[in-house]
Amino acid sequence: MTDRSEEGRPQRPSRKFREGLVVGVDMDRTSVVAVVERVQHRRYAKTVQRTKKLYVHDQGNDARVGDRVRVAETRPLSKLKRWRLVEVLERAR
């Protein structure tokens, strides 16, 4: 059973959004963004940080290393790129 809109078409699930730090801009129209996730250890219940590197499509090459950015999930754009740059939240100093 899927949710359906008023027109009868199945609704697409909402896109995921993440915030992270730009760690690489060496490629053309691509940035590498490190997203930190805090999770609780299953056995010891201590909070641990897990870092995931996302390859992000940056159409205008706006991002610089050190910027905080918001990215959105999108269709596959290349072998590794599955995210696109939404906005630059804070510029690097």
C-alpha atoms as a PDB file:
ATOM      1  CA  MET A   1       0.000   0.000   0.000  1.00  0.00           C
ATOM      2  CA  THR A   2       1.512   3.278  -1.089  1.00  0.00           C
ATOM      3  CA  ASP A   3       0.362   6.780  -0.336  1.00  0.00           C
ATOM      4  CA  ARG A   4      -1.361   8.322  -3.310  1.00  0.00           C
ATOM      5  CA  SER A   5      -1.907  11.949  -4.133  1.00  0.00           C
ATOM      6  CA  GLU A   6      -5.304  13.308  -5.136  1.00  0.00           C
ATOM      7  CA  GLU A   7      -4.607  12.661  -8.830  1.00  0.00           C
ATOM      8  CA  GLY A   8      -4.018   8.968  -8.179  1.00  0.00           C
ATOM      9  CA  ARG A   9      -0.277   8.937  -8.836  1.00  0.00           C
ATOM     10  CA  PRO A  10       1.947   7.355  -6.191  1.00  0.00           C
ATOM     11  CA  GLN A  11       3.738   9.947  -4.085  1.00  0.00           C
ATOM     12  CA  ARG A  12       7.510  10.081  -4.193  1.00  0.00           C
ATOM     13  CA  PRO A  13       9.161   9.839  -0.754  1.00  0.00           C
ATOM     14  CA  SER A  14      10.633  13.098   0.476  1.00  0.00           C
ATOM     15  CA  ARG A  15      14.283  13.851  -0.235  1.00  0.00           C
ATOM     16  CA  LYS A  16      16.902  13.529   2.482  1.00  0.00           C
ATOM     17  CA  PHE A  17      18.858  16.616   3.507  1.00  0.00           C
ATOM     18  CA  ARG A  18      22.226  16.666   5.275  1.00  0.00           C
ATOM     19  CA  GLU A  19      24.581  19.338   6.572  1.00  0.00           C
ATOM     20  CA  GLY A  20      28.332  18.929   6.428  1.00  0.00           C
ATOM     21  CA  LEU A  21      31.761  20.413   5.916  1.00  0.00           C
ATOM     22  CA  VAL A  22      33.391  20.653   2.496  1.00  0.00           C
ATOM     23  CA  VAL A  23      36.673  18.717   2.555  1.00  0.00           C
ATOM     24  CA  GLY A  24      37.540  18.632  -1.142  1.00  0.00           C
ATOM     25  CA  VAL A  25      36.923  20.679  -4.296  1.00  0.00           C
ATOM     26  CA  ASP A  26      39.545  19.261  -6.658  1.00  0.00           C
ATOM     27  CA  MET A  27      37.044  18.050  -9.280  1.00  0.00           C
ATOM     28  CA  ASP A  28      35.023  20.177 -11.699  1.00  0.00           C
ATOM     29  CA  ARG A  29      31.426  20.713 -10.471  1.00  0.00           C
ATOM     30  CA  THR A  30      31.963  18.180  -7.681  1.00  0.00           C
ATOM     31  CA  SER A  31      32.662  18.678  -3.995  1.00  0.00           C
ATOM     32  CA  VAL A  32      33.370  16.162  -1.261  1.00  0.00           C
ATOM     33  CA  VAL A  33      31.361  16.839   1.896  1.00  0.00           C
ATOM     34  CA  ALA A  34      32.023  15.155   5.259  1.00  0.00           C
ATOM     35  CA  VAL A  35      28.832  14.558   7.232  1.00  0.00           C
ATOM     36  CA  VAL A  36      29.227  13.725  10.925  1.00  0.00           C
ATOM     37  CA  GLU A  37      26.604  11.486  12.500  1.00  0.00           C
ATOM     38  CA  ARG A  38      26.419  10.962  16.258  1.00  0.00           C
ATOM     39  CA  VAL A  39      25.119   7.535  17.236  1.00  0.00           C
ATOM     40  CA  GLN A  40      24.969   5.633  20.475  1.00  0.00           C
ATOM     41  CA  HIS A  41      27.144   2.553  20.805  1.00  0.00           C
ATOM     42  CA  ARG A  42      24.956  -0.543  21.041  1.00  0.00           C
ATOM     43  CA  ARG A  43      26.754  -2.183  23.939  1.00  0.00           C
ATOM     44  CA  TYR A  44      28.425   0.632  25.849  1.00  0.00           C
ATOM     45  CA  ALA A  45      25.817   3.352  25.240  1.00  0.00           C
ATOM     46  CA  LYS A  46      28.575   5.895  24.637  1.00  0.00           C
ATOM     47  CA  THR A  47      27.991   8.485  21.915  1.00  0.00           C
ATOM     48  CA  VAL A  48      30.394   7.991  19.021  1.00  0.00           C
ATOM     49  CA  GLN A  49      30.910  10.029  15.853  1.00  0.00           C
ATOM     50  CA  ARG A  50      30.733   8.456  12.422  1.00  0.00           C
ATOM     51  CA  THR A  51      31.902  10.429   9.406  1.00  0.00           C
ATOM     52  CA  LYS A  52      30.544   9.775   5.923  1.00  0.00           C
ATOM     53  CA  LYS A  53      31.991  11.369   2.781  1.00  0.00           C
ATOM     54  CA  LEU A  54      29.381  12.380   0.207  1.00  0.00           C
ATOM     55  CA  TYR A  55      30.152  13.331  -3.382  1.00  0.00           C
ATOM     56  CA  VAL A  56      28.051  16.407  -4.148  1.00  0.00           C
ATOM     57  CA  HIS A  57      27.136  18.022  -7.472  1.00  0.00           C
ATOM     58  CA  ASP A  58      28.106  21.711  -7.306  1.00  0.00           C
ATOM     59  CA  GLN A  59      26.961  23.264 -10.586  1.00  0.00           C
ATOM     60  CA  GLY A  60      28.593  26.672 -10.137  1.00  0.00           C
ATOM     61  CA  ASN A  61      31.697  25.527  -8.234  1.00  0.00           C
ATOM     62  CA  ASP A  62      30.484  27.726  -5.351  1.00  0.00           C
ATOM     63  CA  ALA A  63      31.771  25.666  -2.427  1.00  0.00           C
ATOM     64  CA  ARG A  64      35.250  26.101  -0.966  1.00  0.00           C
ATOM     65  CA  VAL A  65      37.119  23.878   1.468  1.00  0.00           C
ATOM     66  CA  GLY A  66      35.916  24.577   5.011  1.00  0.00           C
ATOM     67  CA  ASP A  67      32.425  25.816   4.060  1.00  0.00           C
ATOM     68  CA  ARG A  68      29.401  24.445   5.897  1.00  0.00           C
ATOM     69  CA  VAL A  69      26.815  23.370   3.320  1.00  0.00           C
ATOM     70  CA  ARG A  70      23.379  21.780   3.041  1.00  0.00           C
ATOM     71  CA  VAL A  71      22.983  18.980   0.485  1.00  0.00           C
ATOM     72  CA  ALA A  72      19.941  17.119  -0.833  1.00  0.00           C
ATOM     73  CA  GLU A  73      19.576  13.587  -2.090  1.00  0.00           C
ATOM     74  CA  THR A  74      19.031  13.300  -5.834  1.00  0.00           C
ATOM     75  CA  ARG A  75      19.067  10.779  -8.660  1.00  0.00           C
ATOM     76  CA  PRO A  76      22.424   9.192  -9.511  1.00  0.00           C
ATOM     77  CA  LEU A  77      24.491  11.760 -11.423  1.00  0.00           C
ATOM     78  CA  SER A  78      27.637   9.631 -11.814  1.00  0.00           C
ATOM     79  CA  LYS A  79      29.228   6.529 -10.340  1.00  0.00           C
ATOM     80  CA  LEU A  80      29.551   8.130  -6.887  1.00  0.00           C
ATOM     81  CA  LYS A  81      27.475  11.347  -6.963  1.00  0.00           C
ATOM     82  CA  ARG A  82      24.036  10.988  -5.380  1.00  0.00           C
ATOM     83  CA  TRP A  83      23.724  14.428  -3.742  1.00  0.00           C
ATOM     84  CA  ARG A  84      23.439  18.033  -4.927  1.00  0.00           C
ATOM     85  CA  LEU A  85      24.400  21.287  -3.257  1.00  0.00           C
ATOM     86  CA  VAL A  86      21.392  23.221  -1.940  1.00  0.00           C
ATOM     87  CA  GLU A  87      23.058  26.153  -0.199  1.00  0.00           C
ATOM     88  CA  VAL A  88      26.222  27.349   1.499  1.00  0.00           C
ATOM     89  CA  LEU A  89      25.311  27.923   5.130  1.00  0.00           C
ATOM     90  CA  GLU A  90      28.595  29.404   6.346  1.00  0.00           C
ATOM     91  CA  ARG A  91      31.752  30.417   4.515  1.00  0.00           C
ATOM     92  CA  ALA A  92      35.176  29.281   5.699  1.00  0.00           C
ATOM     93  CA  ARG A  93      37.203  31.924   7.489  1.00  0.00           C
END
